[in-house]
N, C-alpha and C. Protein backbone atom coordinates (compact mmCIF):
# COMPACT_ATOMS: atom_id res chain seq x y z
N UNK A 1 59.63 -21.16 -98.51
CA UNK A 1 58.93 -19.96 -98.10
C UNK A 1 59.87 -18.76 -98.17
N UNK A 2 59.33 -17.66 -98.67
CA UNK A 2 60.11 -16.43 -98.76
C UNK A 2 59.63 -15.44 -97.71
N UNK A 3 60.60 -14.81 -97.04
CA UNK A 3 60.30 -13.80 -96.05
C UNK A 3 61.27 -12.65 -96.21
N UNK A 4 60.76 -11.44 -96.04
CA UNK A 4 61.66 -10.29 -95.95
C UNK A 4 62.16 -10.21 -94.51
N UNK A 5 63.45 -9.98 -94.36
CA UNK A 5 63.99 -9.67 -93.03
C UNK A 5 64.13 -8.16 -92.99
N UNK A 6 63.28 -7.53 -92.20
CA UNK A 6 63.24 -6.07 -92.11
C UNK A 6 64.37 -5.58 -91.21
N UNK A 7 65.56 -5.51 -91.77
CA UNK A 7 66.71 -4.98 -91.05
C UNK A 7 67.65 -4.32 -92.03
N UNK A 8 68.31 -3.28 -91.58
CA UNK A 8 69.38 -2.65 -92.35
C UNK A 8 70.74 -3.11 -91.83
N UNK A 9 70.72 -3.95 -90.80
CA UNK A 9 71.94 -4.43 -90.17
C UNK A 9 72.46 -5.66 -90.93
N UNK A 10 73.54 -5.48 -91.68
CA UNK A 10 74.07 -6.57 -92.49
C UNK A 10 74.62 -7.71 -91.64
N UNK A 11 75.08 -7.41 -90.42
CA UNK A 11 75.55 -8.47 -89.52
C UNK A 11 74.38 -9.38 -89.13
N UNK A 12 73.23 -8.77 -88.81
CA UNK A 12 72.06 -9.56 -88.46
C UNK A 12 71.57 -10.38 -89.64
N UNK A 13 71.59 -9.80 -90.83
CA UNK A 13 71.16 -10.50 -92.03
C UNK A 13 72.04 -11.73 -92.28
N UNK A 14 73.34 -11.55 -92.17
CA UNK A 14 74.27 -12.67 -92.38
C UNK A 14 74.03 -13.76 -91.35
N UNK A 15 73.86 -13.37 -90.11
CA UNK A 15 73.60 -14.32 -89.03
C UNK A 15 72.29 -15.07 -89.29
N UNK A 16 71.25 -14.36 -89.69
CA UNK A 16 69.95 -14.98 -89.96
C UNK A 16 70.04 -15.97 -91.10
N UNK A 17 70.77 -15.62 -92.14
CA UNK A 17 70.92 -16.54 -93.28
C UNK A 17 71.65 -17.81 -92.86
N UNK A 18 72.63 -17.68 -91.98
CA UNK A 18 73.35 -18.86 -91.48
C UNK A 18 72.42 -19.74 -90.65
N UNK A 19 71.61 -19.12 -89.82
CA UNK A 19 70.73 -19.87 -88.93
C UNK A 19 69.56 -20.52 -89.69
N UNK A 20 68.98 -19.80 -90.64
CA UNK A 20 67.77 -20.25 -91.32
C UNK A 20 68.01 -20.93 -92.67
N UNK A 21 69.28 -21.14 -93.02
CA UNK A 21 69.58 -21.74 -94.31
C UNK A 21 68.85 -23.08 -94.49
N UNK A 22 68.26 -23.25 -95.65
CA UNK A 22 67.52 -24.47 -95.95
C UNK A 22 66.10 -24.47 -95.42
N UNK A 23 65.75 -23.50 -94.57
CA UNK A 23 64.40 -23.45 -94.00
C UNK A 23 63.56 -22.35 -94.62
N UNK A 24 64.19 -21.18 -94.82
CA UNK A 24 63.49 -19.99 -95.30
C UNK A 24 64.39 -19.27 -96.28
N UNK A 25 63.81 -18.76 -97.36
CA UNK A 25 64.58 -17.90 -98.27
C UNK A 25 64.38 -16.46 -97.80
N UNK A 26 65.48 -15.86 -97.35
CA UNK A 26 65.40 -14.50 -96.85
C UNK A 26 65.62 -13.49 -97.95
N UNK A 27 64.78 -12.48 -97.96
CA UNK A 27 64.92 -11.36 -98.88
C UNK A 27 65.37 -10.17 -98.05
N UNK A 28 66.44 -9.55 -98.47
CA UNK A 28 66.94 -8.39 -97.73
C UNK A 28 66.29 -7.11 -98.25
N UNK A 29 66.32 -6.10 -97.41
CA UNK A 29 65.82 -4.80 -97.84
C UNK A 29 66.67 -4.24 -98.98
N UNK A 30 67.94 -4.55 -98.96
CA UNK A 30 68.84 -4.10 -100.02
C UNK A 30 68.41 -4.69 -101.38
N UNK A 31 67.99 -5.96 -101.36
CA UNK A 31 67.53 -6.61 -102.60
C UNK A 31 66.25 -5.95 -103.12
N UNK A 32 65.53 -5.28 -102.26
CA UNK A 32 64.30 -4.56 -102.64
C UNK A 32 64.57 -3.09 -102.89
N UNK A 33 65.85 -2.70 -102.91
CA UNK A 33 66.25 -1.30 -103.09
C UNK A 33 65.61 -0.38 -102.06
N UNK A 34 65.50 -0.88 -100.86
CA UNK A 34 64.94 -0.09 -99.76
C UNK A 34 66.05 0.20 -98.78
N UNK A 35 66.41 1.46 -98.63
CA UNK A 35 67.49 1.79 -97.70
C UNK A 35 67.10 2.89 -96.71
N UNK A 36 65.79 3.13 -96.58
CA UNK A 36 65.32 4.10 -95.60
C UNK A 36 65.51 3.56 -94.18
N UNK A 37 65.56 4.46 -93.24
CA UNK A 37 65.63 4.09 -91.83
C UNK A 37 64.30 3.45 -91.44
N UNK A 38 64.34 2.40 -90.66
CA UNK A 38 63.12 1.75 -90.20
C UNK A 38 62.63 2.43 -88.91
N UNK A 39 61.31 2.52 -88.74
CA UNK A 39 60.80 3.15 -87.52
C UNK A 39 61.12 2.29 -86.30
N UNK A 40 61.50 2.95 -85.22
CA UNK A 40 61.86 2.23 -83.99
C UNK A 40 61.67 3.17 -82.81
N UNK A 41 60.41 3.44 -82.50
CA UNK A 41 60.11 4.41 -81.45
C UNK A 41 59.43 3.78 -80.24
N UNK A 42 59.37 2.45 -80.22
CA UNK A 42 58.70 1.76 -79.11
C UNK A 42 59.54 1.76 -77.84
N UNK A 43 58.91 1.34 -76.76
CA UNK A 43 59.61 1.28 -75.47
C UNK A 43 59.87 -0.15 -75.03
N UNK A 44 59.52 -1.12 -75.88
CA UNK A 44 59.80 -2.52 -75.60
C UNK A 44 60.41 -3.16 -76.84
N UNK A 45 61.09 -4.29 -76.66
CA UNK A 45 61.63 -5.02 -77.80
C UNK A 45 60.50 -5.46 -78.72
N UNK A 46 59.38 -5.89 -78.13
CA UNK A 46 58.24 -6.36 -78.91
C UNK A 46 57.68 -5.25 -79.80
N UNK A 47 57.46 -4.07 -79.21
CA UNK A 47 56.86 -2.99 -79.99
C UNK A 47 57.79 -2.50 -81.09
N UNK A 48 59.08 -2.42 -80.81
CA UNK A 48 60.03 -2.01 -81.85
C UNK A 48 60.08 -3.02 -82.99
N UNK A 49 60.13 -4.31 -82.65
CA UNK A 49 60.20 -5.34 -83.69
C UNK A 49 58.95 -5.31 -84.57
N UNK A 50 57.77 -5.22 -83.95
CA UNK A 50 56.54 -5.22 -84.74
C UNK A 50 56.40 -3.94 -85.55
N UNK A 51 56.85 -2.84 -85.02
CA UNK A 51 56.79 -1.57 -85.76
C UNK A 51 57.57 -1.70 -87.07
N UNK A 52 58.76 -2.27 -87.00
CA UNK A 52 59.60 -2.44 -88.20
C UNK A 52 58.98 -3.45 -89.16
N UNK A 53 58.54 -4.59 -88.63
CA UNK A 53 57.97 -5.64 -89.49
C UNK A 53 56.71 -5.16 -90.20
N UNK A 54 55.83 -4.50 -89.48
CA UNK A 54 54.57 -4.04 -90.06
C UNK A 54 54.82 -2.94 -91.09
N UNK A 55 55.78 -2.08 -90.83
CA UNK A 55 56.13 -1.02 -91.77
C UNK A 55 56.54 -1.62 -93.12
N UNK A 56 57.40 -2.61 -93.09
CA UNK A 56 57.89 -3.24 -94.32
C UNK A 56 56.79 -4.07 -94.97
N UNK A 57 56.01 -4.79 -94.17
CA UNK A 57 54.91 -5.58 -94.71
C UNK A 57 53.92 -4.69 -95.46
N UNK A 58 53.58 -3.55 -94.88
CA UNK A 58 52.63 -2.64 -95.53
C UNK A 58 53.21 -2.05 -96.81
N UNK A 59 54.50 -1.81 -96.82
CA UNK A 59 55.14 -1.21 -97.99
C UNK A 59 55.21 -2.18 -99.16
N UNK A 60 55.55 -3.45 -98.89
CA UNK A 60 55.79 -4.42 -99.96
C UNK A 60 54.72 -5.49 -100.10
N UNK A 61 53.88 -5.68 -99.08
CA UNK A 61 52.84 -6.69 -99.15
C UNK A 61 53.37 -8.10 -99.15
N UNK A 62 54.57 -8.29 -98.61
CA UNK A 62 55.21 -9.60 -98.55
C UNK A 62 55.42 -9.96 -97.09
N UNK A 63 55.16 -11.24 -96.74
CA UNK A 63 55.38 -11.68 -95.36
C UNK A 63 56.79 -11.30 -94.92
N UNK A 64 56.90 -10.93 -93.67
CA UNK A 64 58.12 -10.29 -93.22
C UNK A 64 58.31 -10.47 -91.73
N UNK A 65 59.57 -10.37 -91.30
CA UNK A 65 59.84 -10.35 -89.88
C UNK A 65 60.93 -9.33 -89.58
N UNK A 66 60.96 -8.91 -88.34
CA UNK A 66 61.99 -7.99 -87.86
C UNK A 66 62.33 -8.41 -86.45
N UNK A 67 63.49 -8.00 -86.01
CA UNK A 67 63.85 -8.28 -84.63
C UNK A 67 64.23 -6.99 -83.94
N UNK A 68 64.14 -7.02 -82.64
CA UNK A 68 64.74 -5.99 -81.83
C UNK A 68 65.47 -6.72 -80.72
N UNK A 69 66.70 -6.37 -80.54
CA UNK A 69 67.56 -7.06 -79.59
C UNK A 69 68.26 -6.05 -78.71
N UNK A 70 68.69 -6.51 -77.57
CA UNK A 70 69.43 -5.62 -76.71
C UNK A 70 70.03 -6.33 -75.52
N UNK A 71 70.80 -5.58 -74.81
CA UNK A 71 71.50 -6.04 -73.62
C UNK A 71 70.81 -5.48 -72.39
N UNK A 72 70.59 -6.34 -71.42
CA UNK A 72 70.00 -5.92 -70.15
C UNK A 72 70.98 -6.29 -69.05
N UNK A 73 71.51 -5.28 -68.36
CA UNK A 73 72.50 -5.49 -67.31
C UNK A 73 71.84 -5.28 -65.95
N UNK A 74 71.92 -6.29 -65.09
CA UNK A 74 71.25 -6.24 -63.79
C UNK A 74 71.67 -5.03 -62.97
N UNK A 75 72.98 -4.78 -62.90
CA UNK A 75 73.49 -3.69 -62.07
C UNK A 75 73.08 -2.32 -62.59
N UNK A 76 72.63 -2.26 -63.83
CA UNK A 76 72.20 -0.99 -64.43
C UNK A 76 70.68 -0.93 -64.55
N UNK A 77 70.01 -1.73 -63.72
CA UNK A 77 68.53 -1.77 -63.72
C UNK A 77 67.95 -2.07 -65.10
N UNK A 78 68.61 -2.96 -65.83
CA UNK A 78 68.11 -3.37 -67.14
C UNK A 78 68.63 -2.57 -68.31
N UNK A 79 69.35 -1.50 -68.06
CA UNK A 79 69.93 -0.71 -69.15
C UNK A 79 71.07 -1.52 -69.77
N UNK A 80 71.37 -1.24 -71.02
CA UNK A 80 70.79 -0.25 -71.92
C UNK A 80 69.44 -0.65 -72.53
N UNK A 81 69.04 -1.92 -72.44
CA UNK A 81 67.72 -2.34 -72.89
C UNK A 81 67.42 -1.99 -74.33
N UNK A 82 66.23 -1.42 -74.58
CA UNK A 82 65.83 -1.10 -75.96
C UNK A 82 66.70 -0.01 -76.57
N UNK A 83 67.51 0.64 -75.74
CA UNK A 83 68.40 1.69 -76.25
C UNK A 83 69.82 1.16 -76.48
N UNK A 84 69.99 -0.15 -76.55
CA UNK A 84 71.32 -0.76 -76.68
C UNK A 84 72.11 -0.24 -77.86
N UNK A 85 71.48 -0.09 -79.01
CA UNK A 85 72.19 0.35 -80.22
C UNK A 85 72.58 1.82 -80.17
N UNK A 86 71.90 2.58 -79.33
CA UNK A 86 72.19 4.01 -79.24
C UNK A 86 72.49 4.42 -77.80
N UNK A 87 73.08 3.50 -77.05
CA UNK A 87 73.38 3.72 -75.63
C UNK A 87 74.29 4.93 -75.43
N UNK A 88 75.26 5.09 -76.31
CA UNK A 88 76.21 6.22 -76.18
C UNK A 88 75.79 7.41 -77.05
N UNK A 89 74.59 7.36 -77.61
CA UNK A 89 74.10 8.46 -78.44
C UNK A 89 73.48 7.95 -79.72
N UNK A 90 72.75 8.81 -80.40
CA UNK A 90 71.99 8.43 -81.58
C UNK A 90 72.86 7.81 -82.67
N UNK A 91 74.00 8.37 -82.94
CA UNK A 91 74.87 7.85 -84.00
C UNK A 91 76.06 7.07 -83.45
N UNK A 92 75.89 6.48 -82.29
CA UNK A 92 76.98 5.75 -81.63
C UNK A 92 77.37 4.51 -82.42
N UNK A 93 78.65 4.23 -82.41
CA UNK A 93 79.17 2.99 -82.98
C UNK A 93 79.20 1.93 -81.88
N UNK A 94 79.35 0.66 -82.27
CA UNK A 94 79.43 -0.42 -81.28
C UNK A 94 80.51 -0.12 -80.25
N UNK A 95 81.65 0.37 -80.70
CA UNK A 95 82.77 0.67 -79.82
C UNK A 95 82.40 1.73 -78.78
N UNK A 96 81.63 2.72 -79.19
CA UNK A 96 81.18 3.78 -78.28
C UNK A 96 80.25 3.21 -77.20
N UNK A 97 79.33 2.36 -77.61
CA UNK A 97 78.39 1.76 -76.68
C UNK A 97 79.11 0.88 -75.66
N UNK A 98 80.07 0.10 -76.14
CA UNK A 98 80.84 -0.77 -75.24
C UNK A 98 81.66 0.07 -74.27
N UNK A 99 82.28 1.13 -74.77
CA UNK A 99 83.09 1.99 -73.90
C UNK A 99 82.23 2.59 -72.79
N UNK A 100 81.03 3.04 -73.13
CA UNK A 100 80.14 3.60 -72.11
C UNK A 100 79.73 2.53 -71.11
N UNK A 101 79.41 1.33 -71.61
CA UNK A 101 79.01 0.24 -70.72
C UNK A 101 80.13 -0.10 -69.73
N UNK A 102 81.34 -0.26 -70.23
CA UNK A 102 82.47 -0.60 -69.36
C UNK A 102 82.75 0.51 -68.34
N UNK A 103 82.55 1.74 -68.76
CA UNK A 103 82.73 2.87 -67.84
C UNK A 103 81.67 2.82 -66.74
N UNK A 104 80.44 2.55 -67.12
CA UNK A 104 79.34 2.48 -66.15
C UNK A 104 79.56 1.35 -65.13
N UNK A 105 80.23 0.27 -65.57
CA UNK A 105 80.43 -0.90 -64.71
C UNK A 105 81.82 -0.94 -64.07
N UNK A 106 82.60 0.11 -64.21
CA UNK A 106 84.01 0.08 -63.79
C UNK A 106 84.22 -0.29 -62.33
N UNK A 107 83.33 0.09 -61.44
CA UNK A 107 83.47 -0.23 -60.01
C UNK A 107 82.43 -1.25 -59.55
N UNK A 108 81.86 -1.95 -60.49
CA UNK A 108 80.75 -2.86 -60.19
C UNK A 108 81.22 -4.32 -60.22
N UNK A 109 80.97 -5.05 -59.15
CA UNK A 109 81.33 -6.47 -59.11
C UNK A 109 80.20 -7.35 -59.66
N UNK A 110 78.97 -6.86 -59.58
CA UNK A 110 77.83 -7.61 -60.13
C UNK A 110 77.75 -7.30 -61.63
N UNK A 111 78.09 -8.28 -62.44
CA UNK A 111 78.17 -8.02 -63.88
C UNK A 111 77.22 -8.93 -64.68
N UNK A 112 76.21 -9.49 -64.02
CA UNK A 112 75.26 -10.36 -64.70
C UNK A 112 74.46 -9.56 -65.73
N UNK A 113 74.21 -10.23 -66.85
CA UNK A 113 73.49 -9.56 -67.93
C UNK A 113 72.75 -10.60 -68.77
N UNK A 114 71.88 -10.10 -69.61
CA UNK A 114 71.15 -10.94 -70.56
C UNK A 114 71.14 -10.27 -71.92
N UNK A 115 71.30 -11.06 -72.97
CA UNK A 115 71.04 -10.58 -74.33
C UNK A 115 69.67 -11.11 -74.70
N UNK A 116 68.83 -10.23 -75.19
CA UNK A 116 67.43 -10.54 -75.46
C UNK A 116 67.10 -10.21 -76.91
N UNK A 117 66.35 -11.09 -77.55
CA UNK A 117 65.83 -10.82 -78.89
C UNK A 117 64.34 -11.08 -78.90
N UNK A 118 63.63 -10.21 -79.55
CA UNK A 118 62.22 -10.46 -79.87
C UNK A 118 62.07 -10.35 -81.37
N UNK A 119 61.55 -11.40 -81.97
CA UNK A 119 61.23 -11.38 -83.41
C UNK A 119 59.73 -11.19 -83.55
N UNK A 120 59.37 -10.26 -84.41
CA UNK A 120 57.97 -10.04 -84.76
C UNK A 120 57.80 -10.50 -86.20
N UNK A 121 56.87 -11.40 -86.41
CA UNK A 121 56.58 -11.95 -87.73
C UNK A 121 55.21 -11.50 -88.18
N UNK A 122 55.12 -11.00 -89.40
CA UNK A 122 53.83 -10.68 -90.00
C UNK A 122 53.63 -11.68 -91.14
N UNK A 123 52.68 -12.58 -90.94
CA UNK A 123 52.42 -13.67 -91.88
C UNK A 123 50.95 -13.61 -92.27
N UNK A 124 50.70 -13.29 -93.54
CA UNK A 124 49.32 -13.16 -93.99
C UNK A 124 48.56 -12.10 -93.23
N UNK A 125 49.26 -11.06 -92.78
CA UNK A 125 48.64 -9.97 -92.06
C UNK A 125 48.47 -10.22 -90.57
N UNK A 126 48.77 -11.44 -90.10
CA UNK A 126 48.67 -11.75 -88.67
C UNK A 126 50.02 -11.56 -88.00
N UNK A 127 49.98 -11.21 -86.72
CA UNK A 127 51.19 -10.91 -85.95
C UNK A 127 51.56 -12.06 -85.02
N UNK A 128 52.85 -12.40 -85.00
CA UNK A 128 53.37 -13.45 -84.13
C UNK A 128 54.69 -12.97 -83.52
N UNK A 129 54.99 -13.48 -82.32
CA UNK A 129 56.23 -13.09 -81.63
C UNK A 129 57.01 -14.32 -81.19
N UNK A 130 58.34 -14.19 -81.24
CA UNK A 130 59.23 -15.27 -80.82
C UNK A 130 60.39 -14.63 -80.06
N UNK A 131 60.70 -15.18 -78.90
CA UNK A 131 61.74 -14.57 -78.07
C UNK A 131 62.89 -15.52 -77.81
N UNK A 132 64.04 -14.94 -77.58
CA UNK A 132 65.22 -15.68 -77.20
C UNK A 132 66.01 -14.88 -76.19
N UNK A 133 66.69 -15.60 -75.30
CA UNK A 133 67.46 -14.92 -74.27
C UNK A 133 68.65 -15.80 -73.89
N UNK A 134 69.79 -15.17 -73.70
CA UNK A 134 70.96 -15.88 -73.20
C UNK A 134 71.53 -15.08 -72.03
N UNK A 135 71.78 -15.79 -70.94
CA UNK A 135 72.32 -15.15 -69.74
C UNK A 135 73.84 -15.23 -69.77
N UNK A 136 74.46 -14.26 -69.12
CA UNK A 136 75.91 -14.25 -69.06
C UNK A 136 76.40 -13.15 -68.16
N UNK A 137 77.65 -12.76 -68.38
CA UNK A 137 78.26 -11.68 -67.61
C UNK A 137 78.99 -10.73 -68.57
N UNK A 138 79.22 -9.52 -68.09
CA UNK A 138 79.97 -8.54 -68.86
C UNK A 138 81.43 -8.60 -68.42
N UNK A 139 82.30 -8.83 -69.39
CA UNK A 139 83.74 -8.89 -69.12
C UNK A 139 84.24 -7.50 -68.72
N UNK A 140 85.40 -7.47 -68.10
CA UNK A 140 85.98 -6.19 -67.70
C UNK A 140 86.69 -5.49 -68.84
N UNK A 141 86.97 -6.25 -69.90
CA UNK A 141 87.60 -5.65 -71.08
C UNK A 141 87.18 -6.40 -72.33
N UNK A 142 87.40 -5.77 -73.45
CA UNK A 142 87.05 -6.33 -74.76
C UNK A 142 87.96 -7.51 -75.09
N UNK A 143 87.36 -8.58 -75.63
CA UNK A 143 88.17 -9.68 -76.14
C UNK A 143 87.45 -10.35 -77.31
N UNK A 144 88.20 -10.58 -78.38
CA UNK A 144 87.64 -11.18 -79.58
C UNK A 144 87.33 -10.15 -80.63
N UNK A 145 87.28 -10.61 -81.88
CA UNK A 145 87.05 -9.70 -83.00
C UNK A 145 85.85 -10.11 -83.86
N UNK A 146 85.25 -11.24 -83.56
CA UNK A 146 84.10 -11.69 -84.35
C UNK A 146 82.83 -11.03 -83.82
N UNK A 147 81.73 -11.26 -84.51
CA UNK A 147 80.44 -10.77 -84.05
C UNK A 147 80.28 -9.27 -84.20
N UNK A 148 79.33 -8.73 -83.43
CA UNK A 148 79.01 -7.31 -83.49
C UNK A 148 78.29 -6.92 -82.22
N UNK A 149 77.95 -5.67 -82.10
CA UNK A 149 77.24 -5.20 -80.91
C UNK A 149 78.09 -5.39 -79.67
N UNK A 150 77.50 -5.99 -78.66
CA UNK A 150 78.18 -6.18 -77.37
C UNK A 150 78.93 -7.51 -77.30
N UNK A 151 79.04 -8.22 -78.41
CA UNK A 151 79.71 -9.53 -78.43
C UNK A 151 81.11 -9.53 -77.80
N UNK A 152 81.94 -8.49 -77.98
CA UNK A 152 83.29 -8.53 -77.41
C UNK A 152 83.35 -8.46 -75.88
N UNK A 153 82.24 -8.13 -75.22
CA UNK A 153 82.26 -8.07 -73.76
C UNK A 153 81.23 -8.99 -73.11
N UNK A 154 80.46 -9.72 -73.91
CA UNK A 154 79.43 -10.60 -73.35
C UNK A 154 79.94 -12.04 -73.31
N UNK A 155 80.01 -12.59 -72.10
CA UNK A 155 80.45 -13.98 -71.92
C UNK A 155 79.22 -14.79 -71.49
N UNK A 156 78.74 -15.68 -72.38
CA UNK A 156 77.54 -16.45 -72.02
C UNK A 156 77.84 -17.42 -70.88
N UNK A 157 76.83 -17.67 -70.06
CA UNK A 157 76.97 -18.64 -68.98
C UNK A 157 77.46 -19.97 -69.56
N UNK A 158 78.36 -20.60 -68.82
CA UNK A 158 78.90 -21.89 -69.26
C UNK A 158 80.12 -21.77 -70.15
N UNK A 159 80.54 -20.54 -70.43
CA UNK A 159 81.71 -20.32 -71.28
C UNK A 159 82.69 -19.40 -70.58
N UNK A 160 83.93 -19.46 -71.02
CA UNK A 160 84.95 -18.52 -70.53
C UNK A 160 85.32 -17.53 -71.62
N UNK A 161 84.67 -17.66 -72.77
CA UNK A 161 84.96 -16.80 -73.91
C UNK A 161 83.78 -15.91 -74.24
N UNK A 162 84.10 -14.73 -74.78
CA UNK A 162 83.04 -13.82 -75.21
C UNK A 162 82.45 -14.34 -76.52
N UNK A 163 81.27 -13.83 -76.87
CA UNK A 163 80.67 -14.18 -78.17
C UNK A 163 81.62 -13.81 -79.30
N UNK A 164 82.39 -12.74 -79.14
CA UNK A 164 83.31 -12.28 -80.19
C UNK A 164 84.52 -13.20 -80.35
N UNK A 165 84.73 -14.10 -79.41
CA UNK A 165 85.83 -15.07 -79.52
C UNK A 165 85.37 -16.39 -80.12
N UNK A 166 84.07 -16.52 -80.36
CA UNK A 166 83.50 -17.77 -80.87
C UNK A 166 83.38 -17.74 -82.39
N UNK A 167 83.42 -18.92 -82.99
CA UNK A 167 83.14 -19.04 -84.42
C UNK A 167 81.64 -18.78 -84.61
N UNK A 168 81.25 -18.25 -85.78
CA UNK A 168 79.83 -17.93 -85.99
C UNK A 168 78.89 -19.10 -85.69
N UNK A 169 79.26 -20.30 -86.14
CA UNK A 169 78.36 -21.44 -85.92
C UNK A 169 78.24 -21.79 -84.43
N UNK A 170 79.30 -21.54 -83.67
CA UNK A 170 79.26 -21.79 -82.23
C UNK A 170 78.34 -20.78 -81.54
N UNK A 171 78.52 -19.51 -81.88
CA UNK A 171 77.66 -18.47 -81.31
C UNK A 171 76.20 -18.71 -81.72
N UNK A 172 76.01 -19.03 -83.00
CA UNK A 172 74.65 -19.21 -83.51
C UNK A 172 73.95 -20.43 -82.93
N UNK A 173 74.67 -21.31 -82.28
CA UNK A 173 74.04 -22.48 -81.67
C UNK A 173 73.44 -22.13 -80.30
N UNK A 174 73.85 -21.00 -79.72
CA UNK A 174 73.37 -20.66 -78.37
C UNK A 174 72.84 -19.23 -78.23
N UNK A 175 72.98 -18.41 -79.25
CA UNK A 175 72.65 -16.98 -79.11
C UNK A 175 71.16 -16.74 -78.93
N UNK A 176 70.85 -15.57 -78.40
CA UNK A 176 69.48 -15.11 -78.22
C UNK A 176 68.75 -15.03 -79.55
N UNK A 177 69.42 -14.51 -80.56
CA UNK A 177 68.79 -14.37 -81.88
C UNK A 177 68.53 -15.75 -82.49
N UNK A 178 69.49 -16.67 -82.34
CA UNK A 178 69.31 -18.02 -82.86
C UNK A 178 68.12 -18.71 -82.19
N UNK A 179 68.00 -18.55 -80.89
CA UNK A 179 66.87 -19.16 -80.18
C UNK A 179 65.54 -18.68 -80.75
N UNK A 180 65.42 -17.36 -80.92
CA UNK A 180 64.17 -16.79 -81.44
C UNK A 180 63.92 -17.23 -82.88
N UNK A 181 64.99 -17.27 -83.68
CA UNK A 181 64.81 -17.67 -85.09
C UNK A 181 64.44 -19.14 -85.21
N UNK A 182 65.00 -19.99 -84.37
CA UNK A 182 64.63 -21.41 -84.40
C UNK A 182 63.17 -21.60 -83.98
N UNK A 183 62.72 -20.81 -83.02
CA UNK A 183 61.30 -20.87 -82.64
C UNK A 183 60.42 -20.44 -83.81
N UNK A 184 60.82 -19.37 -84.50
CA UNK A 184 60.05 -18.91 -85.66
C UNK A 184 60.07 -19.96 -86.76
N UNK A 185 61.24 -20.56 -87.03
CA UNK A 185 61.35 -21.57 -88.08
C UNK A 185 60.46 -22.78 -87.77
N UNK A 186 60.44 -23.22 -86.51
CA UNK A 186 59.58 -24.35 -86.11
C UNK A 186 58.12 -24.01 -86.33
N UNK A 187 57.74 -22.78 -86.03
CA UNK A 187 56.37 -22.33 -86.25
C UNK A 187 56.04 -22.33 -87.75
N UNK A 188 56.97 -21.84 -88.58
CA UNK A 188 56.73 -21.77 -90.02
C UNK A 188 56.57 -23.14 -90.65
N UNK A 189 57.29 -24.12 -90.15
CA UNK A 189 57.20 -25.48 -90.67
C UNK A 189 55.78 -26.04 -90.49
N UNK A 190 55.12 -25.61 -89.43
CA UNK A 190 53.77 -26.09 -89.14
C UNK A 190 52.68 -25.39 -89.94
N UNK A 191 53.04 -24.30 -90.62
CA UNK A 191 52.05 -23.52 -91.35
C UNK A 191 51.72 -24.13 -92.71
């Protein structure tokens, strides 16, 4: 089965290909010569994911999925949430977002957080959703060089290492995105 992954994030694309290898043939937007910004004006992970997936599905007429992911920190009332990628501003880099997060939590002892992914799949014009979540804590400082986003400061429950300190296959066995993609893959096998 062929699916477009509606993302401009090459880290997410690489991760998805590792997770879904042998199950789904992923087509990137780059392979379709599409490099426009994807719409993302929703207020929930679900609405943002479906907005992106439906936009690409309508443009190319090919079954497609998109994800929206983010970090939810208990002490920050769920922030940065759907604004995770632009927490420090519209053109913020991962480093900027992490710096703002650590600053916000500098005097906070409650550091519980969740990484959340919602995948929206458009298959034959019908809409489906798959979610994944991993609980953990926010470290007091950056550690590790692998991964992307908040990986250098997110320590999943049951581990003493951040996602950025893990090998890709280790992270992909427990990550929020992997959980959602495995749910989607199981659904696709039944179709």
